[in-house]
N, C-alpha and C. Protein backbone atom coordinates (compact mmCIF):
# COMPACT_ATOMS: atom_id res chain seq x y z
N MET A 1 97.98 178.96 13.81
CA MET A 1 99.30 179.20 14.30
C MET A 1 100.31 178.81 13.23
N HIS A 2 101.30 179.59 13.14
CA HIS A 2 102.38 179.30 12.20
C HIS A 2 103.68 179.17 12.97
N PHE A 3 104.35 178.05 12.75
CA PHE A 3 105.62 177.80 13.42
C PHE A 3 106.74 177.91 12.41
N THR A 4 107.85 178.37 12.88
CA THR A 4 109.02 178.41 12.01
C THR A 4 109.55 176.98 11.86
N LYS A 5 110.45 176.77 10.95
CA LYS A 5 111.03 175.45 10.72
C LYS A 5 111.75 174.96 11.98
N GLU A 6 112.46 175.85 12.65
CA GLU A 6 113.16 175.48 13.89
C GLU A 6 112.18 175.08 14.99
N GLU A 7 111.09 175.81 15.12
CA GLU A 7 110.08 175.49 16.14
C GLU A 7 109.44 174.14 15.84
N LYS A 8 109.15 173.85 14.58
CA LYS A 8 108.57 172.55 14.21
C LYS A 8 109.54 171.42 14.55
N THR A 9 110.82 171.64 14.27
CA THR A 9 111.83 170.62 14.57
C THR A 9 111.90 170.37 16.07
N ILE A 10 111.88 171.42 16.87
CA ILE A 10 111.93 171.27 18.33
C ILE A 10 110.69 170.55 18.84
N LEU A 11 109.52 170.91 18.36
CA LEU A 11 108.28 170.25 18.78
C LEU A 11 108.28 168.77 18.40
N MET A 12 108.74 168.44 17.21
CA MET A 12 108.79 167.04 16.77
C MET A 12 109.78 166.25 17.61
N THR A 13 110.89 166.85 17.98
CA THR A 13 111.88 166.19 18.82
C THR A 13 111.31 165.91 20.20
N ILE A 14 110.63 166.86 20.77
CA ILE A 14 110.00 166.69 22.08
C ILE A 14 108.94 165.60 22.02
N LEU A 15 108.13 165.62 20.99
CA LEU A 15 107.09 164.61 20.83
C LEU A 15 107.70 163.22 20.68
N ALA A 16 108.72 163.08 19.86
CA ALA A 16 109.38 161.79 19.67
C ALA A 16 109.99 161.29 20.98
N ALA A 17 110.62 162.18 21.74
CA ALA A 17 111.21 161.79 23.02
C ALA A 17 110.13 161.32 24.00
N ALA A 18 109.01 162.00 24.02
CA ALA A 18 107.91 161.62 24.91
C ALA A 18 107.37 160.24 24.54
N ILE A 19 107.18 160.00 23.26
CA ILE A 19 106.66 158.70 22.80
C ILE A 19 107.67 157.60 23.12
N LEU A 20 108.94 157.85 22.89
CA LEU A 20 109.97 156.87 23.21
C LEU A 20 110.00 156.58 24.71
N GLY A 21 109.89 157.62 25.54
CA GLY A 21 109.88 157.43 26.99
C GLY A 21 108.70 156.58 27.45
N ILE A 22 107.54 156.83 26.88
CA ILE A 22 106.35 156.04 27.23
C ILE A 22 106.55 154.59 26.83
N ALA A 23 107.07 154.35 25.64
CA ALA A 23 107.28 152.98 25.16
C ALA A 23 108.29 152.25 26.03
N VAL A 24 109.40 152.88 26.37
CA VAL A 24 110.41 152.24 27.20
C VAL A 24 109.84 151.92 28.58
N ASN A 25 109.11 152.84 29.16
CA ASN A 25 108.50 152.62 30.47
C ASN A 25 107.52 151.44 30.43
N PHE A 26 106.71 151.38 29.40
CA PHE A 26 105.72 150.30 29.27
C PHE A 26 106.41 148.95 29.18
N PHE A 27 107.38 148.83 28.26
CA PHE A 27 108.02 147.53 28.06
C PHE A 27 108.91 147.13 29.22
N ALA A 28 109.50 148.06 29.93
CA ALA A 28 110.29 147.73 31.11
C ALA A 28 109.39 147.14 32.20
N GLY A 29 108.23 147.73 32.40
CA GLY A 29 107.28 147.20 33.39
C GLY A 29 106.72 145.86 32.98
N TYR A 30 106.47 145.68 31.70
CA TYR A 30 105.93 144.42 31.19
C TYR A 30 106.93 143.29 31.40
N GLY A 31 108.20 143.54 31.11
CA GLY A 31 109.23 142.53 31.29
C GLY A 31 109.40 142.15 32.75
N ALA A 32 109.32 143.12 33.64
CA ALA A 32 109.45 142.84 35.07
C ALA A 32 108.31 141.95 35.55
N LYS A 33 107.12 142.17 35.06
CA LYS A 33 105.97 141.34 35.45
C LYS A 33 106.15 139.91 34.98
N LEU A 34 106.73 139.72 33.80
CA LEU A 34 106.96 138.37 33.29
C LEU A 34 107.99 137.63 34.13
N ARG A 35 108.99 138.33 34.64
CA ARG A 35 110.03 137.69 35.43
C ARG A 35 109.57 137.40 36.86
N GLU A 36 108.57 138.09 37.35
CA GLU A 36 108.13 137.94 38.74
C GLU A 36 107.46 136.61 39.02
N SER A 37 106.68 136.11 38.10
CA SER A 37 105.89 134.93 38.41
C SER A 37 105.93 133.92 37.27
N PRO A 38 105.74 132.66 37.62
CA PRO A 38 105.70 131.65 36.58
C PRO A 38 104.45 131.81 35.72
N ALA A 39 104.46 131.15 34.57
CA ALA A 39 103.33 131.25 33.66
C ALA A 39 102.06 130.72 34.33
N VAL A 40 102.19 129.64 35.07
CA VAL A 40 101.04 129.05 35.74
C VAL A 40 101.45 128.72 37.17
N LYS A 41 100.76 129.29 38.12
CA LYS A 41 101.04 128.96 39.51
C LYS A 41 100.16 127.79 39.93
N PRO A 42 100.75 126.80 40.57
CA PRO A 42 99.92 125.68 41.03
C PRO A 42 98.94 126.13 42.10
N ALA A 43 97.75 125.57 42.07
CA ALA A 43 96.71 125.94 43.03
C ALA A 43 97.02 125.35 44.41
N ALA A 44 97.71 124.21 44.44
CA ALA A 44 98.05 123.55 45.70
C ALA A 44 99.47 123.02 45.59
N LEU A 45 100.00 122.54 46.69
CA LEU A 45 101.34 121.97 46.66
C LEU A 45 101.36 120.76 45.73
N ILE A 46 102.45 120.61 45.01
CA ILE A 46 102.61 119.49 44.10
C ILE A 46 103.39 118.40 44.82
N ASN A 47 102.85 117.19 44.82
CA ASN A 47 103.51 116.04 45.42
C ASN A 47 104.57 115.55 44.44
N ILE A 48 105.84 115.69 44.79
CA ILE A 48 106.90 115.32 43.86
C ILE A 48 107.00 113.82 43.62
N ASN A 49 106.30 113.02 44.43
CA ASN A 49 106.33 111.58 44.24
C ASN A 49 105.20 111.06 43.34
N SER A 50 104.32 111.94 42.93
CA SER A 50 103.25 111.50 42.03
C SER A 50 102.99 112.48 40.89
N ALA A 51 103.66 113.60 40.88
CA ALA A 51 103.42 114.63 39.86
C ALA A 51 103.87 114.16 38.48
N THR A 52 103.15 114.62 37.49
CA THR A 52 103.51 114.35 36.10
C THR A 52 104.51 115.41 35.63
N ALA A 53 105.11 115.16 34.49
CA ALA A 53 106.04 116.14 33.92
C ALA A 53 105.32 117.47 33.68
N GLU A 54 104.07 117.40 33.24
CA GLU A 54 103.30 118.63 32.98
C GLU A 54 103.08 119.43 34.26
N GLU A 55 102.85 118.74 35.37
CA GLU A 55 102.68 119.44 36.64
C GLU A 55 103.99 120.10 37.08
N PHE A 56 105.10 119.43 36.86
CA PHE A 56 106.39 120.03 37.20
C PHE A 56 106.67 121.26 36.34
N GLU A 57 106.26 121.22 35.08
CA GLU A 57 106.48 122.36 34.19
C GLU A 57 105.76 123.62 34.66
N ALA A 58 104.72 123.46 35.46
CA ALA A 58 103.98 124.62 35.97
C ALA A 58 104.75 125.35 37.07
N LEU A 59 105.83 124.74 37.55
CA LEU A 59 106.62 125.35 38.62
C LEU A 59 107.60 126.38 38.06
N PRO A 60 107.93 127.40 38.84
CA PRO A 60 108.85 128.43 38.35
C PRO A 60 110.23 127.84 38.07
N GLY A 61 110.75 128.13 36.89
CA GLY A 61 112.09 127.71 36.52
C GLY A 61 112.21 126.29 36.03
N ILE A 62 111.09 125.58 35.93
CA ILE A 62 111.13 124.19 35.46
C ILE A 62 110.55 124.13 34.05
N GLY A 63 111.38 123.73 33.13
CA GLY A 63 110.94 123.57 31.75
C GLY A 63 110.69 122.11 31.43
N ARG A 64 110.46 121.84 30.17
CA ARG A 64 110.14 120.48 29.72
C ARG A 64 111.28 119.50 30.03
N VAL A 65 112.52 119.90 29.77
CA VAL A 65 113.65 119.00 29.98
C VAL A 65 113.83 118.66 31.45
N THR A 66 113.84 119.66 32.31
CA THR A 66 114.03 119.41 33.74
C THR A 66 112.87 118.62 34.32
N ALA A 67 111.66 118.92 33.88
CA ALA A 67 110.50 118.16 34.36
C ALA A 67 110.65 116.68 34.00
N GLY A 68 111.09 116.42 32.79
CA GLY A 68 111.32 115.04 32.37
C GLY A 68 112.41 114.37 33.20
N ARG A 69 113.45 115.10 33.53
CA ARG A 69 114.54 114.55 34.35
C ARG A 69 114.05 114.18 35.75
N ILE A 70 113.17 115.01 36.31
CA ILE A 70 112.65 114.71 37.65
C ILE A 70 111.86 113.41 37.62
N VAL A 71 110.99 113.27 36.63
CA VAL A 71 110.17 112.05 36.53
C VAL A 71 111.05 110.83 36.30
N LYS A 72 112.04 110.94 35.40
CA LYS A 72 112.94 109.81 35.12
C LYS A 72 113.76 109.44 36.35
N TYR A 73 114.22 110.45 37.10
CA TYR A 73 114.98 110.18 38.31
C TYR A 73 114.12 109.41 39.31
N ARG A 74 112.89 109.85 39.47
CA ARG A 74 111.98 109.19 40.41
C ARG A 74 111.70 107.76 39.98
N GLU A 75 111.51 107.54 38.68
CA GLU A 75 111.25 106.19 38.17
C GLU A 75 112.46 105.27 38.38
N ALA A 76 113.66 105.81 38.24
CA ALA A 76 114.87 105.01 38.38
C ALA A 76 115.26 104.78 39.83
N ASN A 77 114.96 105.73 40.72
CA ASN A 77 115.44 105.67 42.10
C ASN A 77 114.36 105.51 43.15
N GLY A 78 113.12 105.49 42.76
CA GLY A 78 112.03 105.40 43.73
C GLY A 78 111.62 106.78 44.22
N ASN A 79 110.64 106.78 45.09
CA ASN A 79 110.11 108.05 45.60
C ASN A 79 111.16 108.85 46.36
N PHE A 80 110.98 110.15 46.35
CA PHE A 80 111.84 111.04 47.11
C PHE A 80 111.46 110.93 48.59
N ARG A 81 112.45 110.94 49.47
CA ARG A 81 112.17 110.91 50.91
C ARG A 81 111.66 112.26 51.40
N ASP A 82 112.23 113.31 50.81
CA ASP A 82 111.82 114.67 51.17
C ASP A 82 112.08 115.56 49.95
N ILE A 83 111.66 116.81 50.05
CA ILE A 83 111.80 117.69 48.89
C ILE A 83 113.25 118.01 48.59
N GLU A 84 114.13 117.90 49.56
CA GLU A 84 115.56 118.13 49.35
C GLU A 84 116.13 117.16 48.31
N GLY A 85 115.47 116.02 48.14
CA GLY A 85 115.91 115.03 47.16
C GLY A 85 115.90 115.57 45.74
N LEU A 86 115.13 116.60 45.49
CA LEU A 86 115.11 117.21 44.16
C LEU A 86 116.48 117.71 43.74
N LYS A 87 117.32 118.07 44.71
CA LYS A 87 118.65 118.59 44.40
C LYS A 87 119.54 117.54 43.73
N LYS A 88 119.17 116.28 43.84
CA LYS A 88 119.95 115.21 43.19
C LYS A 88 119.67 115.11 41.69
N VAL A 89 118.63 115.78 41.26
CA VAL A 89 118.25 115.76 39.84
C VAL A 89 119.10 116.77 39.08
N LYS A 90 119.68 116.32 37.97
CA LYS A 90 120.50 117.21 37.14
C LYS A 90 119.66 118.43 36.73
N GLY A 91 120.21 119.61 36.95
CA GLY A 91 119.51 120.84 36.57
C GLY A 91 118.82 121.54 37.73
N ILE A 92 118.70 120.86 38.87
CA ILE A 92 118.08 121.50 40.04
C ILE A 92 119.21 122.02 40.93
N THR A 93 119.53 123.28 40.77
CA THR A 93 120.56 123.92 41.57
C THR A 93 119.95 124.37 42.90
N THR A 94 120.80 124.79 43.81
CA THR A 94 120.31 125.30 45.10
C THR A 94 119.41 126.51 44.87
N LYS A 95 119.81 127.38 43.97
CA LYS A 95 119.01 128.57 43.67
C LYS A 95 117.64 128.18 43.11
N LYS A 96 117.62 127.24 42.19
CA LYS A 96 116.35 126.80 41.61
C LYS A 96 115.49 126.11 42.67
N PHE A 97 116.13 125.29 43.51
CA PHE A 97 115.40 124.61 44.57
C PHE A 97 114.76 125.62 45.51
N ASP A 98 115.48 126.68 45.85
CA ASP A 98 114.93 127.69 46.76
C ASP A 98 113.67 128.34 46.19
N ARG A 99 113.59 128.46 44.86
CA ARG A 99 112.38 129.02 44.24
C ARG A 99 111.25 128.00 44.23
N LEU A 100 111.59 126.71 44.21
CA LEU A 100 110.58 125.64 44.10
C LEU A 100 109.98 125.20 45.42
N LYS A 101 110.77 125.23 46.48
CA LYS A 101 110.39 124.56 47.72
C LYS A 101 109.04 124.99 48.29
N GLN A 102 108.61 126.18 48.00
CA GLN A 102 107.30 126.62 48.51
C GLN A 102 106.13 126.02 47.75
N TYR A 103 106.42 125.36 46.63
CA TYR A 103 105.35 124.80 45.80
C TYR A 103 105.25 123.29 45.85
N VAL A 104 106.20 122.62 46.54
CA VAL A 104 106.24 121.15 46.48
C VAL A 104 106.21 120.53 47.87
N GLU A 105 105.84 119.25 47.86
CA GLU A 105 105.87 118.44 49.07
C GLU A 105 106.19 117.00 48.65
N ALA A 106 106.67 116.19 49.58
CA ALA A 106 106.98 114.78 49.31
C ALA A 106 106.11 113.93 50.22
N LEU A 107 105.10 113.33 49.66
CA LEU A 107 104.20 112.47 50.46
C LEU A 107 104.43 111.02 50.12
């Protein structure tokens, strides 16, 4: 088959658009999956009165700094009476607490 220069240009444009569409679709889906769940989901509820900083880091939205703040708060103020006490820790907003509450307990 012999294509004219215009036909080759049109075919290359269509091919490039198809490849770009596939790439955008793939990466959009990949990003959504990363946002849906934490890196590590705890297998059981985490006791906020005995958990380590590393255990807190496994919770959604809790990084190294916030995990450290939770442990330091507990050490300075004693055990939490209930999970709502987490809201007293700097960095634990109502929105963040709402994401955490299904993973924690206060024993």
